[in-house]
Amino acid sequence: SPQYLKPRPSMFVAGILSPLAFFFPNENWTKGPKAHAYLVSKIEKKLDDLEKNGPDESTLSGMFFAKDEEDPTKTLTKNEIIDNALILILAGSETAASTLTVAILALGLNKGVWRRLKEEQLAIISKDKGKELTRQMLEEECPYLDAVIKETMRIKPMATIAAKRLVQETLIVDGKQIPKGYGVSFNVYITHSLDPLLKEKDDSHMDVAKGFCPDRWLDARTKPTEYMPFGVGPRYCLGSHLAIAEMKVFLALFARRVEFNMANTTADNVEWKKLSIIPKPKDGSLITVSQLLPSFGQQERAFH
């Protein structure tokens, strides 16, 4: 449909990661700038509506009408709001959504893990007599859910290198000199894959089917020693707690309400998207869902 053909947030992300962005950063014919222009136009339209009609419950409204607590005359400029909105699209939704997509794939390929996750949630429902899911429950009663999310982020963390740091003093690393002032970075995936506690010669410890083992997080003797999906230091991800909360809520409710199987997907035929901040299946995680709704019975349907 025409709507589908319009530039989308996924194109924006792909454009940022594309090598074309380095060689032709200002060329509007590439996907990145085209998607960027489309998203900016949508944000600008929303800001115009807010200026005309007043505040609503949207995140953009919160930024548009925000005032500095010490100096109420200070507000965010239009460009600052647009930049923050684009960051939220890039790092605040794309990353969590991609991680959840990988989590569903991993759970679908590892049915024993999926059963353990469901059993934990059903036990909570029984213990708390069906009370509404709360933050306290997620933090105190869901160790296996926490382990599932951590294991997903261990195997498929951010694919790109982290933001560059400048060396404060000349260093010698593995016999190589890094002069003061040089820019250095790190790769999260490589760091995870080289964990001496988990390393396998065939790299199966980083395989979403063979190496997915949330139990390793529940024992101090097997807990990974190299783990930095949100980065490290002063540039540690500001949205880490929100991202974890979002993923916990989704997977907890998913486990409580749904039974599923992978649709035409096996460990041998998974194709990974080439340009993605968080690696994810090229066509998403296609599953067949049975919703456990006693009043309506089980309903089978294709869900993407």
C-alpha atoms as a PDB file:
ATOM      1  CA  SER A   1       0.000   0.000   0.000  1.00  0.00           C
ATOM      2  CA  PRO A   2       1.128   3.639  -0.381  1.00  0.00           C
ATOM      3  CA  GLN A   3       1.425   3.905   3.419  1.00  0.00           C
ATOM      4  CA  TYR A   4       3.802   0.945   3.501  1.00  0.00           C
ATOM      5  CA  LEU A   5       6.014   2.516   0.850  1.00  0.00           C
ATOM      6  CA  LYS A   6       6.549   5.700   2.856  1.00  0.00           C
ATOM      7  CA  PRO A   7       9.909   6.079   4.632  1.00  0.00           C
ATOM      8  CA  ARG A   8       9.702   4.378   8.015  1.00  0.00           C
ATOM      9  CA  PRO A   9      11.705   4.470  11.272  1.00  0.00           C
ATOM     10  CA  SER A  10      13.412   1.234  10.226  1.00  0.00           C
ATOM     11  CA  MET A  11      14.710   2.991   7.113  1.00  0.00           C
ATOM     12  CA  PHE A  12      16.002   5.803   9.335  1.00  0.00           C
ATOM     13  CA  VAL A  13      17.970   3.294  11.409  1.00  0.00           C
ATOM     14  CA  ALA A  14      19.225   1.432   8.334  1.00  0.00           C
ATOM     15  CA  GLY A  15      20.298   4.725   6.791  1.00  0.00           C
ATOM     16  CA  ILE A  16      22.369   5.614   9.843  1.00  0.00           C
ATOM     17  CA  LEU A  17      24.146   2.256   9.763  1.00  0.00           C
ATOM     18  CA  SER A  18      24.627   2.166   5.996  1.00  0.00           C
ATOM     19  CA  PRO A  19      28.163   2.765   4.647  1.00  0.00           C
ATOM     20  CA  LEU A  20      26.578   5.317   2.289  1.00  0.00           C
ATOM     21  CA  ALA A  21      26.073   7.587   5.284  1.00  0.00           C
ATOM     22  CA  PHE A  22      29.852   7.894   5.650  1.00  0.00           C
ATOM     23  CA  PHE A  23      30.604   8.529   1.989  1.00  0.00           C
ATOM     24  CA  PHE A  24      27.524  10.634   1.150  1.00  0.00           C
ATOM     25  CA  PRO A  25      26.389  12.167   4.483  1.00  0.00           C
ATOM     26  CA  ASN A  26      24.424  15.004   2.903  1.00  0.00           C
ATOM     27  CA  GLU A  27      22.891  13.236  -0.088  1.00  0.00           C
ATOM     28  CA  ASN A  28      19.093  13.311   0.196  1.00  0.00           C
ATOM     29  CA  TRP A  29      18.636  10.478  -2.311  1.00  0.00           C
ATOM     30  CA  THR A  30      19.846   7.880   0.188  1.00  0.00           C
ATOM     31  CA  LYS A  31      17.347   6.135   2.495  1.00  0.00           C
ATOM     32  CA  GLY A  32      18.660   7.668   5.717  1.00  0.00           C
ATOM     33  CA  PRO A  33      18.125  11.350   4.838  1.00  0.00           C
ATOM     34  CA  LYS A  34      14.798  10.608   3.139  1.00  0.00           C
ATOM     35  CA  ALA A  35      13.500   8.787   6.204  1.00  0.00           C
ATOM     36  CA  HIS A  36      14.925  11.501   8.451  1.00  0.00           C
ATOM     37  CA  ALA A  37      13.088  14.204   6.514  1.00  0.00           C
ATOM     38  CA  TYR A  38       9.838  12.215   6.708  1.00  0.00           C
ATOM     39  CA  LEU A  39      10.103  11.715  10.475  1.00  0.00           C
ATOM     40  CA  VAL A  40      10.995  15.362  11.063  1.00  0.00           C
ATOM     41  CA  SER A  41       7.947  16.441   9.054  1.00  0.00           C
ATOM     42  CA  LYS A  42       5.711  14.256  11.241  1.00  0.00           C
ATOM     43  CA  ILE A  43       7.256  15.647  14.437  1.00  0.00           C
ATOM     44  CA  GLU A  44       6.893  19.227  13.195  1.00  0.00           C
ATOM     45  CA  LYS A  45       3.238  18.627  12.354  1.00  0.00           C
ATOM     46  CA  LYS A  46       2.612  17.318  15.871  1.00  0.00           C
ATOM     47  CA  LEU A  47       4.379  20.319  17.403  1.00  0.00           C
ATOM     48  CA  ASP A  48       2.211  22.667  15.331  1.00  0.00           C
ATOM     49  CA  ASP A  49      -0.886  20.864  16.597  1.00  0.00           C
ATOM     50  CA  LEU A  50       0.314  21.177  20.200  1.00  0.00           C
ATOM     51  CA  GLU A  51       0.979  24.891  19.766  1.00  0.00           C
ATOM     52  CA  LYS A  52      -2.507  25.365  18.345  1.00  0.00           C
ATOM     53  CA  ASN A  53      -4.561  23.035  20.544  1.00  0.00           C
ATOM     54  CA  GLY A  54      -2.609  22.848  23.798  1.00  0.00           C
ATOM     55  CA  PRO A  55      -1.053  19.926  25.707  1.00  0.00           C
ATOM     56  CA  ASP A  56      -2.083  16.279  25.537  1.00  0.00           C
ATOM     57  CA  GLU A  57      -0.677  13.059  27.044  1.00  0.00           C
ATOM     58  CA  SER A  58       2.022  12.490  24.407  1.00  0.00           C
ATOM     59  CA  THR A  59       5.767  12.486  25.033  1.00  0.00           C
ATOM     60  CA  LEU A  60       6.188  15.322  22.541  1.00  0.00           C
ATOM     61  CA  SER A  61       3.692  17.372  24.537  1.00  0.00           C
ATOM     62  CA  GLY A  62       5.734  16.798  27.679  1.00  0.00           C
ATOM     63  CA  MET A  63       8.843  18.132  25.957  1.00  0.00           C
ATOM     64  CA  PHE A  64       7.044  20.993  24.202  1.00  0.00           C
ATOM     65  CA  PHE A  65       5.541  22.418  27.394  1.00  0.00           C
ATOM     66  CA  ALA A  66       8.432  21.552  29.740  1.00  0.00           C
ATOM     67  CA  LYS A  67       9.989  24.423  31.687  1.00  0.00           C
ATOM     68  CA  ASP A  68      13.226  24.670  33.635  1.00  0.00           C
ATOM     69  CA  GLU A  69      12.490  24.312  37.375  1.00  0.00           C
ATOM     70  CA  GLU A  70      14.975  27.030  38.328  1.00  0.00           C
ATOM     71  CA  ASP A  71      14.172  29.357  35.429  1.00  0.00           C
ATOM     72  CA  PRO A  72      10.640  28.873  34.008  1.00  0.00           C
ATOM     73  CA  THR A  73      11.487  31.136  31.081  1.00  0.00           C
ATOM     74  CA  LYS A  74      13.811  28.443  29.719  1.00  0.00           C
ATOM     75  CA  THR A  75      12.204  25.851  27.451  1.00  0.00           C
ATOM     76  CA  LEU A  76      13.387  23.397  24.836  1.00  0.00           C
ATOM     77  CA  THR A  77      13.787  24.815  21.358  1.00  0.00           C
ATOM     78  CA  LYS A  78      11.991  23.255  18.425  1.00  0.00           C
ATOM     79  CA  ASN A  79      15.241  21.734  17.146  1.00  0.00           C
ATOM     80  CA  GLU A  80      16.039  20.306  20.587  1.00  0.00           C
ATOM     81  CA  ILE A  81      12.622  18.639  20.738  1.00  0.00           C
ATOM     82  CA  ILE A  82      13.070  17.178  17.253  1.00  0.00           C
ATOM     83  CA  ASP A  83      16.538  15.861  18.136  1.00  0.00           C
ATOM     84  CA  ASN A  84      15.250  14.262  21.347  1.00  0.00           C
ATOM     85  CA  ALA A  85      12.303  12.710  19.508  1.00  0.00           C
ATOM     86  CA  LEU A  86      14.627  11.167  16.922  1.00  0.00           C
ATOM     87  CA  ILE A  87      16.815   9.767  19.704  1.00  0.00           C
ATOM     88  CA  LEU A  88      13.734   8.178  21.279  1.00  0.00           C
ATOM     89  CA  ILE A  89      12.827   6.591  17.944  1.00  0.00           C
ATOM     90  CA  LEU A  90      16.372   5.353  17.428  1.00  0.00           C
ATOM     91  CA  ALA A  91      17.400   4.276  20.927  1.00  0.00           C
ATOM     92  CA  GLY A  92      14.172   4.268  22.888  1.00  0.00           C
ATOM     93  CA  SER A  93      11.986   1.988  20.802  1.00  0.00           C
ATOM     94  CA  GLU A  94      13.961   0.339  17.986  1.00  0.00           C
ATOM     95  CA  THR A  95      16.455  -1.254  20.375  1.00  0.00           C
ATOM     96  CA  ALA A  96      13.933  -2.671  22.869  1.00  0.00           C
ATOM     97  CA  ALA A  97      11.688  -3.885  20.057  1.00  0.00           C
ATOM     98  CA  SER A  98      14.605  -5.645  18.356  1.00  0.00           C
ATOM     99  CA  THR A  99      15.681  -7.311  21.610  1.00  0.00           C
ATOM    100  CA  LEU A 100      12.133  -8.556  22.215  1.00  0.00           C
ATOM    101  CA  THR A 101      12.030  -9.914  18.658  1.00  0.00           C
ATOM    102  CA  VAL A 102      15.199 -11.903  19.378  1.00  0.00           C
ATOM    103  CA  ALA A 103      13.809 -13.024  22.745  1.00  0.00           C
ATOM    104  CA  ILE A 104      10.689 -14.469  21.115  1.00  0.00           C
ATOM    105  CA  LEU A 105      12.885 -16.282  18.579  1.00  0.00           C
ATOM    106  CA  ALA A 106      15.119 -17.686  21.330  1.00  0.00           C
ATOM    107  CA  LEU A 107      12.124 -18.810  23.385  1.00  0.00           C
ATOM    108  CA  GLY A 108      10.552 -20.407  20.335  1.00  0.00           C
ATOM    109  CA  LEU A 109      13.723 -22.348  19.575  1.00  0.00           C
ATOM    110  CA  ASN A 110      14.238 -23.344  23.221  1.00  0.00           C
ATOM    111  CA  LYS A 111      10.924 -24.708  24.453  1.00  0.00           C
ATOM    112  CA  GLY A 112      12.355 -25.799  27.798  1.00  0.00           C
ATOM    113  CA  VAL A 113      13.239 -22.182  28.568  1.00  0.00           C
ATOM    114  CA  TRP A 114       9.797 -21.033  27.426  1.00  0.00           C
ATOM    115  CA  ARG A 115       8.113 -23.521  29.764  1.00  0.00           C
ATOM    116  CA  ARG A 116      10.220 -22.339  32.700  1.00  0.00           C
ATOM    117  CA  LEU A 117       9.271 -18.731  31.966  1.00  0.00           C
ATOM    118  CA  LYS A 118       5.561 -19.596  31.790  1.00  0.00           C
ATOM    119  CA  GLU A 119       5.746 -21.643  34.993  1.00  0.00           C
ATOM    120  CA  GLU A 120       7.307 -18.720  36.854  1.00  0.00           C
ATOM    121  CA  GLN A 121       4.532 -16.351  35.746  1.00  0.00           C
ATOM    122  CA  LEU A 122       1.740 -18.844  36.440  1.00  0.00           C
ATOM    123  CA  ALA A 123       3.177 -19.435  39.910  1.00  0.00           C
ATOM    124  CA  ILE A 124       3.042 -15.684  40.580  1.00  0.00           C
ATOM    125  CA  ILE A 125      -0.583 -15.554  39.421  1.00  0.00           C
ATOM    126  CA  SER A 126      -1.434 -18.405  41.780  1.00  0.00           C
ATOM    127  CA  LYS A 127       0.501 -16.945  44.719  1.00  0.00           C
ATOM    128  CA  ASP A 128      -0.882 -13.433  44.311  1.00  0.00           C
ATOM    129  CA  LYS A 129      -4.368 -14.682  43.427  1.00  0.00           C
ATOM    130  CA  GLY A 130      -4.461 -12.996  40.033  1.00  0.00           C
ATOM    131  CA  LYS A 131      -3.519  -9.532  41.255  1.00  0.00           C
ATOM    132  CA  GLU A 132      -2.477  -6.972  38.664  1.00  0.00           C
ATOM    133  CA  LEU A 133       1.171  -7.206  37.669  1.00  0.00           C
ATOM    134  CA  THR A 134       3.235  -4.685  39.628  1.00  0.00           C
ATOM    135  CA  ARG A 135       6.749  -3.316  39.511  1.00  0.00           C
ATOM    136  CA  GLN A 136       7.494  -5.037  42.822  1.00  0.00           C
ATOM    137  CA  MET A 137       6.483  -8.404  41.366  1.00  0.00           C
ATOM    138  CA  LEU A 138       8.749  -7.885  38.355  1.00  0.00           C
ATOM    139  CA  GLU A 139      11.717  -6.908  40.518  1.00  0.00           C
ATOM    140  CA  GLU A 140      11.332  -9.437  43.358  1.00  0.00           C
ATOM    141  CA  GLU A 141       9.452 -12.458  42.005  1.00  0.00           C
ATOM    142  CA  CYS A 142      10.754 -12.886  38.450  1.00  0.00           C
ATOM    143  CA  PRO A 143      14.411 -14.023  38.576  1.00  0.00           C
ATOM    144  CA  TYR A 144      14.005 -16.286  35.559  1.00  0.00           C
ATOM    145  CA  LEU A 145      12.363 -13.520  33.513  1.00  0.00           C
ATOM    146  CA  ASP A 146      15.309 -11.281  34.370  1.00  0.00           C
ATOM    147  CA  ALA A 147      17.710 -14.058  33.322  1.00  0.00           C
ATOM    148  CA  VAL A 148      15.920 -14.526  29.974  1.00  0.00           C
ATOM    149  CA  ILE A 149      16.299 -10.838  29.145  1.00  0.00           C
ATOM    150  CA  LYS A 150      19.940 -10.734  30.213  1.00  0.00           C
ATOM    151  CA  GLU A 151      20.755 -13.841  28.171  1.00  0.00           C
ATOM    152  CA  THR A 152      19.059 -12.337  25.105  1.00  0.00           C
ATOM    153  CA  MET A 153      21.129  -9.169  25.427  1.00  0.00           C
ATOM    154  CA  ARG A 154      24.297 -11.188  26.010  1.00  0.00           C
ATOM    155  CA  ILE A 155      23.923 -13.145  22.770  1.00  0.00           C
ATOM    156  CA  LYS A 156      22.577 -10.328  20.589  1.00  0.00           C
ATOM    157  CA  PRO A 157      23.755  -6.988  21.988  1.00  0.00           C
ATOM    158  CA  MET A 158      24.367  -3.808  20.030  1.00  0.00           C
ATOM    159  CA  ALA A 159      26.055  -4.725  16.756  1.00  0.00           C
ATOM    160  CA  THR A 160      27.830  -1.435  16.179  1.00  0.00           C
ATOM    161  CA  ILE A 161      30.863  -0.108  18.008  1.00  0.00           C
ATOM    162  CA  ALA A 162      30.250   2.123  21.017  1.00  0.00           C
ATOM    163  CA  ALA A 163      30.800   5.871  21.069  1.00  0.00           C
ATOM    164  CA  LYS A 164      34.440   6.862  20.732  1.00  0.00           C
ATOM    165  CA  ARG A 165      36.515   7.756  23.790  1.00  0.00           C
ATOM    166  CA  LEU A 166      39.791   9.698  23.779  1.00  0.00           C
ATOM    167  CA  VAL A 167      42.795   8.148  25.507  1.00  0.00           C
ATOM    168  CA  GLN A 168      43.854  10.320  28.435  1.00  0.00           C
ATOM    169  CA  GLU A 169      47.333   8.812  28.748  1.00  0.00           C
ATOM    170  CA  THR A 170      49.428   6.645  26.431  1.00  0.00           C
ATOM    171  CA  LEU A 171      48.503   2.985  26.916  1.00  0.00           C
ATOM    172  CA  ILE A 172      49.984  -0.387  26.001  1.00  0.00           C
ATOM    173  CA  VAL A 173      47.277  -2.978  25.244  1.00  0.00           C
ATOM    174  CA  ASP A 174      48.316  -6.485  24.177  1.00  0.00           C
ATOM    175  CA  GLY A 175      51.696  -5.141  23.145  1.00  0.00           C
ATOM    176  CA  LYS A 176      50.214  -2.343  21.042  1.00  0.00           C
ATOM    177  CA  GLN A 177      50.761   1.312  21.908  1.00  0.00           C
ATOM    178  CA  ILE A 178      47.768   3.654  21.931  1.00  0.00           C
ATOM    179  CA  PRO A 179      49.070   7.257  22.096  1.00  0.00           C
ATOM    180  CA  LYS A 180      47.468   9.892  24.280  1.00  0.00           C
ATOM    181  CA  GLY A 181      44.636  11.669  22.481  1.00  0.00           C
ATOM    182  CA  TYR A 182      43.830   8.791  20.113  1.00  0.00           C
ATOM    183  CA  GLY A 183      40.221   7.803  19.702  1.00  0.00           C
ATOM    184  CA  VAL A 184      39.296   4.298  20.868  1.00  0.00           C
ATOM    185  CA  SER A 185      36.082   2.330  20.987  1.00  0.00           C
ATOM    186  CA  PHE A 186      34.838  -1.142  21.849  1.00  0.00           C
ATOM    187  CA  ASN A 187      32.523  -3.701  20.343  1.00  0.00           C
ATOM    188  CA  VAL A 188      29.968  -5.141  22.766  1.00  0.00           C
ATOM    189  CA  TYR A 189      29.384  -8.346  20.801  1.00  0.00           C
ATOM    190  CA  ILE A 190      33.087  -9.180  20.599  1.00  0.00           C
ATOM    191  CA  THR A 191      33.501  -8.421  24.304  1.00  0.00           C
ATOM    192  CA  HIS A 192      30.663 -10.817  25.166  1.00  0.00           C
ATOM    193  CA  SER A 193      31.939 -13.497  22.799  1.00  0.00           C
ATOM    194  CA  LEU A 194      35.425 -13.437  24.367  1.00  0.00           C
ATOM    195  CA  ASP A 195      34.148 -13.999  27.909  1.00  0.00           C
ATOM    196  CA  PRO A 196      36.687 -16.563  29.226  1.00  0.00           C
ATOM    197  CA  LEU A 197      34.076 -18.220  31.432  1.00  0.00           C
ATOM    198  CA  LEU A 198      31.739 -19.009  28.521  1.00  0.00           C
ATOM    199  CA  LYS A 199      33.978 -19.152  25.444  1.00  0.00           C
ATOM    200  CA  GLU A 200      33.500 -22.171  23.163  1.00  0.00           C
ATOM    201  CA  LYS A 201      35.830 -22.944  20.261  1.00  0.00           C
ATOM    202  CA  ASP A 202      32.925 -23.085  17.803  1.00  0.00           C
ATOM    203  CA  ASP A 203      31.327 -19.908  19.263  1.00  0.00           C
ATOM    204  CA  SER A 204      28.181 -21.891  20.075  1.00  0.00           C
ATOM    205  CA  HIS A 205      27.914 -19.903  23.323  1.00  0.00           C
ATOM    206  CA  MET A 206      26.792 -16.976  21.134  1.00  0.00           C
ATOM    207  CA  ASP A 207      24.237 -18.975  19.151  1.00  0.00           C
ATOM    208  CA  VAL A 208      20.582 -18.107  19.775  1.00  0.00           C
ATOM    209  CA  ALA A 209      19.601 -21.795  19.665  1.00  0.00           C
ATOM    210  CA  LYS A 210      22.624 -23.668  21.037  1.00  0.00           C
ATOM    211  CA  GLY A 211      23.941 -21.102  23.494  1.00  0.00           C
ATOM    212  CA  PHE A 212      20.745 -19.630  24.945  1.00  0.00           C
ATOM    213  CA  CYS A 213      20.893 -20.601  28.629  1.00  0.00           C
ATOM    214  CA  PRO A 214      19.241 -18.185  31.108  1.00  0.00           C
ATOM    215  CA  ASP A 215      20.123 -20.546  33.978  1.00  0.00           C
ATOM    216  CA  ARG A 216      23.733 -19.368  33.772  1.00  0.00           C
ATOM    217  CA  TRP A 217      22.583 -16.065  35.337  1.00  0.00           C
ATOM    218  CA  LEU A 218      21.118 -17.767  38.402  1.00  0.00           C
ATOM    219  CA  ASP A 219      24.414 -19.176  39.719  1.00  0.00           C
ATOM    220  CA  ALA A 220      27.412 -17.032  40.656  1.00  0.00           C
ATOM    221  CA  ARG A 221      29.726 -19.782  39.371  1.00  0.00           C
ATOM    222  CA  THR A 222      28.317 -19.620  35.814  1.00  0.00           C
ATOM    223  CA  LYS A 223      27.327 -15.960  35.632  1.00  0.00           C
ATOM    224  CA  PRO A 224      29.058 -14.192  32.674  1.00  0.00           C
ATOM    225  CA  THR A 225      32.077 -12.079  33.560  1.00  0.00           C
ATOM    226  CA  GLU A 226      31.865  -9.856  30.473  1.00  0.00           C
ATOM    227  CA  TYR A 227      28.512  -8.095  30.086  1.00  0.00           C
ATOM    228  CA  MET A 228      27.888  -4.553  28.883  1.00  0.00           C
ATOM    229  CA  PRO A 229      24.765  -4.379  26.646  1.00  0.00           C
ATOM    230  CA  PHE A 230      24.088  -0.812  27.799  1.00  0.00           C
ATOM    231  CA  GLY A 231      27.692   0.349  27.602  1.00  0.00           C
ATOM    232  CA  VAL A 232      29.948   1.394  30.481  1.00  0.00           C
ATOM    233  CA  GLY A 233      31.149   4.510  32.240  1.00  0.00           C
ATOM    234  CA  PRO A 234      29.698   8.028  32.040  1.00  0.00           C
ATOM    235  CA  ARG A 235      28.026   7.248  28.701  1.00  0.00           C
ATOM    236  CA  TYR A 236      26.087   4.297  30.111  1.00  0.00           C
ATOM    237  CA  CYS A 237      22.638   4.176  28.515  1.00  0.00           C
ATOM    238  CA  LEU A 238      20.308   6.630  30.256  1.00  0.00           C
ATOM    239  CA  GLY A 239      17.267   4.600  29.211  1.00  0.00           C
ATOM    240  CA  SER A 240      18.461   1.225  30.502  1.00  0.00           C
ATOM    241  CA  HIS A 241      15.973   0.989  33.379  1.00  0.00           C
ATOM    242  CA  LEU A 242      13.052   1.975  31.147  1.00  0.00           C
ATOM    243  CA  ALA A 243      14.118  -0.544  28.477  1.00  0.00           C
ATOM    244  CA  ILE A 244      14.396  -3.370  31.030  1.00  0.00           C
ATOM    245  CA  ALA A 245      11.005  -2.473  32.507  1.00  0.00           C
ATOM    246  CA  GLU A 246       9.358  -2.441  29.071  1.00  0.00           C
ATOM    247  CA  MET A 247      10.801  -5.818  28.142  1.00  0.00           C
ATOM    248  CA  LYS A 248       9.894  -7.391  31.473  1.00  0.00           C
ATOM    249  CA  VAL A 249       6.278  -6.226  31.244  1.00  0.00           C
ATOM    250  CA  PHE A 250       5.929  -7.466  27.666  1.00  0.00           C
ATOM    251  CA  LEU A 251       7.437 -10.908  28.250  1.00  0.00           C
ATOM    252  CA  ALA A 252       5.632 -11.401  31.572  1.00  0.00           C
ATOM    253  CA  LEU A 253       2.226 -10.671  30.010  1.00  0.00           C
ATOM    254  CA  PHE A 254       3.129 -12.651  26.890  1.00  0.00           C
ATOM    255  CA  ALA A 255       4.018 -15.701  29.007  1.00  0.00           C
ATOM    256  CA  ARG A 256       0.830 -15.363  31.054  1.00  0.00           C
ATOM    257  CA  ARG A 257      -1.558 -15.086  28.137  1.00  0.00           C
ATOM    258  CA  VAL A 258      -0.036 -16.802  25.139  1.00  0.00           C
ATOM    259  CA  GLU A 259       1.138 -20.165  23.893  1.00  0.00           C
ATOM    260  CA  PHE A 260       3.047 -20.160  20.621  1.00  0.00           C
ATOM    261  CA  ASN A 261       5.231 -21.974  18.112  1.00  0.00           C
ATOM    262  CA  MET A 262       7.634 -20.653  15.523  1.00  0.00           C
ATOM    263  CA  ALA A 263       6.093 -20.462  12.044  1.00  0.00           C
ATOM    264  CA  ASN A 264       8.369 -21.961   9.401  1.00  0.00           C
ATOM    265  CA  THR A 265      11.449 -21.017  11.411  1.00  0.00           C
ATOM    266  CA  THR A 266      14.157 -23.370  12.652  1.00  0.00           C
ATOM    267  CA  ALA A 267      17.625 -22.864  14.056  1.00  0.00           C
ATOM    268  CA  ASP A 268      19.045 -23.602  10.600  1.00  0.00           C
ATOM    269  CA  ASN A 269      17.041 -21.154   8.473  1.00  0.00           C
ATOM    270  CA  VAL A 270      17.126 -17.925  10.508  1.00  0.00           C
ATOM    271  CA  GLU A 271      18.336 -14.987   8.391  1.00  0.00           C
ATOM    272  CA  TRP A 272      19.651 -11.953  10.245  1.00  0.00           C
ATOM    273  CA  LYS A 273      19.036  -8.398   9.110  1.00  0.00           C
ATOM    274  CA  LYS A 274      22.259  -6.836   7.827  1.00  0.00           C
ATOM    275  CA  LEU A 275      21.695  -3.254   9.011  1.00  0.00           C
ATOM    276  CA  SER A 276      20.310  -3.121  12.518  1.00  0.00           C
ATOM    277  CA  ILE A 277      21.546  -1.565  15.755  1.00  0.00           C
ATOM    278  CA  ILE A 278      20.456  -4.705  17.605  1.00  0.00           C
ATOM    279  CA  PRO A 279      20.738  -7.836  15.401  1.00  0.00           C
ATOM    280  CA  LYS A 280      17.308  -9.288  14.658  1.00  0.00           C
ATOM    281  CA  PRO A 281      15.749 -11.766  12.209  1.00  0.00           C
ATOM    282  CA  LYS A 282      15.419 -10.333   8.726  1.00  0.00           C
ATOM    283  CA  ASP A 283      11.651 -10.909   8.603  1.00  0.00           C
ATOM    284  CA  GLY A 284      11.008 -10.609  12.319  1.00  0.00           C
ATOM    285  CA  SER A 285       9.955 -13.541  14.495  1.00  0.00           C
ATOM    286  CA  LEU A 286       6.995 -15.118  12.732  1.00  0.00           C
ATOM    287  CA  ILE A 287       4.963 -17.217  15.174  1.00  0.00           C
ATOM    288  CA  THR A 288       1.682 -19.070  15.457  1.00  0.00           C
ATOM    289  CA  VAL A 289      -0.160 -18.006  18.614  1.00  0.00           C
ATOM    290  CA  SER A 290      -2.693 -19.761  20.853  1.00  0.00           C
ATOM    291  CA  GLN A 291      -4.224 -17.221  23.194  1.00  0.00           C
ATOM    292  CA  LEU A 292      -5.202 -18.806  26.495  1.00  0.00           C
ATOM    293  CA  LEU A 293      -8.593 -17.188  26.968  1.00  0.00           C
ATOM    294  CA  PRO A 294     -10.929 -19.657  28.759  1.00  0.00           C
ATOM    295  CA  SER A 295     -14.060 -17.762  27.801  1.00  0.00           C
ATOM    296  CA  PHE A 296     -13.250 -17.985  24.124  1.00  0.00           C
ATOM    297  CA  GLY A 297     -11.107 -21.116  23.945  1.00  0.00           C
ATOM    298  CA  GLN A 298      -7.832 -21.308  22.134  1.00  0.00           C
ATOM    299  CA  GLN A 299      -7.546 -19.211  19.008  1.00  0.00           C
ATOM    300  CA  GLU A 300      -4.886 -20.043  16.451  1.00  0.00           C
ATOM    301  CA  ARG A 301      -3.715 -17.280  14.203  1.00  0.00           C
ATOM    302  CA  ALA A 302      -0.605 -16.049  12.447  1.00  0.00           C
ATOM    303  CA  PHE A 303       1.106 -13.279  14.371  1.00  0.00           C
ATOM    304  CA  HIS A 304       4.106 -11.273  13.150  1.00  0.00           C
END
